[in-house]
Amino acid sequence: MTEKKISWFTKVFEDYFIVEIHQGGEIRTFHMKEVKKITNTLLKGVDIDGNKIEYCTNNPFDYYIRKLY
């Protein structure tokens, strides 16, 4: 994540999610500002830097979403 001062304006008008994917004893963490779709085999969204992310597998995974602000 880019180191920047988080103001109250950012917290009110922008979203910040941390998505953890647990698959086969491995944990992957994504820092997202938008989650478009999430199922047990697909994650689509936009990360904090504005890059599109699509994580797709044939094997199902468990996920945990935390919304920080």
N, C-alpha and C. Protein backbone atom coordinates (compact mmCIF):
# COMPACT_ATOMS: atom_id res chain seq x y z
N MET A 1 0.83 -1.17 0.00
CA MET A 1 0.00 0.00 0.00
C MET A 1 0.88 1.23 0.00
N THR A 2 0.46 2.22 -0.72
CA THR A 2 1.20 3.46 -0.78
C THR A 2 1.12 4.16 0.57
N GLU A 3 2.26 4.59 1.07
CA GLU A 3 2.29 5.29 2.35
C GLU A 3 1.79 6.71 2.13
N LYS A 4 0.64 7.02 2.70
CA LYS A 4 0.10 8.37 2.61
C LYS A 4 -0.72 8.63 3.86
N LYS A 5 -0.89 9.89 4.16
CA LYS A 5 -1.67 10.27 5.32
C LYS A 5 -3.15 10.08 5.00
N ILE A 6 -3.84 9.35 5.86
CA ILE A 6 -5.25 9.07 5.63
C ILE A 6 -6.06 10.13 6.37
N SER A 7 -6.74 10.95 5.61
CA SER A 7 -7.54 12.01 6.21
C SER A 7 -8.97 11.54 6.43
N TRP A 8 -9.73 12.31 7.16
CA TRP A 8 -11.12 11.97 7.42
C TRP A 8 -11.91 11.99 6.12
N PHE A 9 -11.52 12.85 5.16
CA PHE A 9 -12.20 12.92 3.87
C PHE A 9 -12.07 11.61 3.12
N THR A 10 -10.88 11.01 3.14
CA THR A 10 -10.64 9.74 2.47
C THR A 10 -11.47 8.64 3.12
N LYS A 11 -11.53 8.64 4.43
CA LYS A 11 -12.28 7.60 5.13
C LYS A 11 -13.78 7.68 4.86
N VAL A 12 -14.29 8.87 4.63
CA VAL A 12 -15.72 9.04 4.40
C VAL A 12 -16.11 8.68 2.97
N PHE A 13 -15.29 9.06 1.99
CA PHE A 13 -15.70 8.93 0.60
C PHE A 13 -15.05 7.80 -0.18
N GLU A 14 -14.08 7.10 0.38
CA GLU A 14 -13.44 5.99 -0.32
C GLU A 14 -13.56 4.72 0.50
N ASP A 15 -13.58 3.58 -0.18
CA ASP A 15 -13.65 2.28 0.48
C ASP A 15 -12.27 1.63 0.48
N TYR A 16 -12.03 0.82 1.48
CA TYR A 16 -10.77 0.09 1.58
C TYR A 16 -11.07 -1.28 2.18
N PHE A 17 -10.84 -2.33 1.39
CA PHE A 17 -11.10 -3.70 1.80
C PHE A 17 -9.79 -4.47 1.86
N ILE A 18 -9.71 -5.40 2.80
CA ILE A 18 -8.64 -6.39 2.82
C ILE A 18 -9.30 -7.74 2.59
N VAL A 19 -8.91 -8.42 1.51
CA VAL A 19 -9.48 -9.72 1.16
C VAL A 19 -8.39 -10.77 1.36
N GLU A 20 -8.67 -11.74 2.21
CA GLU A 20 -7.74 -12.85 2.43
C GLU A 20 -8.33 -14.10 1.81
N ILE A 21 -7.53 -14.77 0.98
CA ILE A 21 -7.95 -16.00 0.33
C ILE A 21 -7.13 -17.14 0.91
N HIS A 22 -7.82 -18.15 1.44
CA HIS A 22 -7.19 -19.32 2.04
C HIS A 22 -7.41 -20.51 1.11
N GLN A 23 -6.30 -21.05 0.60
CA GLN A 23 -6.40 -22.17 -0.33
C GLN A 23 -5.21 -23.09 -0.13
N GLY A 24 -5.49 -24.31 0.29
CA GLY A 24 -4.45 -25.32 0.44
C GLY A 24 -3.36 -24.96 1.43
N GLY A 25 -3.71 -24.34 2.55
CA GLY A 25 -2.72 -23.95 3.54
C GLY A 25 -1.97 -22.68 3.19
N GLU A 26 -2.30 -22.05 2.09
CA GLU A 26 -1.64 -20.83 1.64
C GLU A 26 -2.61 -19.67 1.79
N ILE A 27 -2.12 -18.53 2.23
CA ILE A 27 -2.96 -17.34 2.40
C ILE A 27 -2.46 -16.25 1.47
N ARG A 28 -3.36 -15.72 0.65
CA ARG A 28 -3.05 -14.59 -0.22
C ARG A 28 -3.86 -13.41 0.27
N THR A 29 -3.23 -12.24 0.32
CA THR A 29 -3.90 -11.03 0.81
C THR A 29 -3.93 -10.00 -0.30
N PHE A 30 -5.10 -9.41 -0.52
CA PHE A 30 -5.29 -8.37 -1.51
C PHE A 30 -5.83 -7.13 -0.80
N HIS A 31 -5.27 -5.96 -1.12
CA HIS A 31 -5.75 -4.69 -0.60
C HIS A 31 -6.53 -4.03 -1.73
N MET A 32 -7.85 -3.91 -1.54
CA MET A 32 -8.74 -3.51 -2.62
C MET A 32 -9.49 -2.22 -2.26
N LYS A 33 -9.78 -1.42 -3.29
CA LYS A 33 -10.68 -0.30 -3.07
C LYS A 33 -12.05 -0.58 -3.66
N GLU A 34 -12.18 -1.65 -4.44
CA GLU A 34 -13.47 -2.05 -4.98
C GLU A 34 -13.48 -3.56 -5.20
N VAL A 35 -14.51 -4.23 -4.72
CA VAL A 35 -14.70 -5.66 -4.96
C VAL A 35 -15.94 -5.80 -5.83
N LYS A 36 -15.74 -6.19 -7.09
CA LYS A 36 -16.87 -6.28 -8.02
C LYS A 36 -17.62 -7.59 -7.88
N LYS A 37 -16.88 -8.70 -7.75
CA LYS A 37 -17.51 -10.01 -7.64
C LYS A 37 -16.58 -10.93 -6.86
N ILE A 38 -17.17 -11.69 -5.94
CA ILE A 38 -16.39 -12.69 -5.23
C ILE A 38 -17.26 -13.92 -5.01
N THR A 39 -16.73 -15.07 -5.43
CA THR A 39 -17.34 -16.37 -5.19
C THR A 39 -16.24 -17.26 -4.64
N ASN A 40 -16.53 -18.54 -4.46
CA ASN A 40 -15.50 -19.42 -3.92
C ASN A 40 -14.46 -19.86 -4.96
N THR A 41 -14.59 -19.42 -6.22
CA THR A 41 -13.58 -19.70 -7.24
C THR A 41 -13.12 -18.45 -7.99
N LEU A 42 -13.69 -17.27 -7.69
CA LEU A 42 -13.39 -16.06 -8.48
C LEU A 42 -13.36 -14.82 -7.59
N LEU A 43 -12.36 -13.96 -7.83
CA LEU A 43 -12.29 -12.64 -7.20
C LEU A 43 -12.01 -11.63 -8.29
N LYS A 44 -12.88 -10.62 -8.42
CA LYS A 44 -12.69 -9.53 -9.36
C LYS A 44 -12.80 -8.22 -8.61
N GLY A 45 -11.91 -7.29 -8.95
CA GLY A 45 -11.98 -5.99 -8.31
C GLY A 45 -10.84 -5.09 -8.73
N VAL A 46 -10.68 -4.00 -7.97
CA VAL A 46 -9.65 -3.00 -8.24
C VAL A 46 -8.84 -2.83 -6.96
N ASP A 47 -7.50 -2.89 -7.09
CA ASP A 47 -6.67 -2.74 -5.89
C ASP A 47 -6.48 -1.26 -5.56
N ILE A 48 -5.76 -1.00 -4.49
CA ILE A 48 -5.57 0.37 -3.99
C ILE A 48 -4.88 1.27 -5.01
N ASP A 49 -3.98 0.71 -5.83
CA ASP A 49 -3.26 1.50 -6.82
C ASP A 49 -4.04 1.71 -8.11
N GLY A 50 -5.25 1.13 -8.22
CA GLY A 50 -6.08 1.32 -9.41
C GLY A 50 -5.92 0.22 -10.45
N ASN A 51 -5.18 -0.83 -10.14
CA ASN A 51 -4.99 -1.94 -11.08
C ASN A 51 -6.14 -2.93 -10.94
N LYS A 52 -6.61 -3.45 -12.07
CA LYS A 52 -7.66 -4.46 -12.04
C LYS A 52 -7.07 -5.80 -11.64
N ILE A 53 -7.80 -6.52 -10.78
CA ILE A 53 -7.35 -7.83 -10.32
C ILE A 53 -8.43 -8.84 -10.62
N GLU A 54 -8.02 -9.96 -11.21
CA GLU A 54 -8.91 -11.10 -11.40
C GLU A 54 -8.16 -12.35 -10.96
N TYR A 55 -8.62 -12.97 -9.89
CA TYR A 55 -8.02 -14.18 -9.36
C TYR A 55 -9.03 -15.29 -9.55
N CYS A 56 -8.72 -16.26 -10.41
CA CYS A 56 -9.65 -17.32 -10.76
C CYS A 56 -8.96 -18.67 -10.64
N THR A 57 -9.63 -19.62 -9.98
CA THR A 57 -9.08 -20.96 -9.84
C THR A 57 -10.16 -22.00 -10.13
N ASN A 58 -9.74 -23.21 -10.41
CA ASN A 58 -10.68 -24.32 -10.58
C ASN A 58 -11.06 -24.93 -9.25
N ASN A 59 -10.15 -24.84 -8.28
CA ASN A 59 -10.41 -25.38 -6.94
C ASN A 59 -11.03 -24.29 -6.07
N PRO A 60 -12.07 -24.63 -5.33
CA PRO A 60 -12.69 -23.62 -4.47
C PRO A 60 -11.76 -23.19 -3.33
N PHE A 61 -11.93 -21.95 -2.89
CA PHE A 61 -11.14 -21.41 -1.79
C PHE A 61 -12.07 -20.73 -0.79
N ASP A 62 -11.56 -20.55 0.42
CA ASP A 62 -12.27 -19.79 1.44
C ASP A 62 -11.76 -18.36 1.39
N TYR A 63 -12.64 -17.41 1.69
CA TYR A 63 -12.21 -16.01 1.69
C TYR A 63 -12.78 -15.28 2.89
N TYR A 64 -12.09 -14.20 3.26
CA TYR A 64 -12.47 -13.38 4.38
C TYR A 64 -12.30 -11.94 3.95
N ILE A 65 -13.36 -11.13 4.07
CA ILE A 65 -13.33 -9.74 3.66
C ILE A 65 -13.46 -8.86 4.90
N ARG A 66 -12.55 -7.91 5.02
CA ARG A 66 -12.64 -6.90 6.08
C ARG A 66 -12.73 -5.52 5.42
N LYS A 67 -13.68 -4.72 5.84
CA LYS A 67 -13.79 -3.36 5.36
C LYS A 67 -13.24 -2.44 6.44
N LEU A 68 -12.13 -1.77 6.13
CA LEU A 68 -11.51 -0.90 7.11
C LEU A 68 -12.16 0.47 7.14
N TYR A 69 -12.46 1.03 5.98
CA TYR A 69 -13.18 2.30 5.89
C TYR A 69 -13.80 2.43 4.53
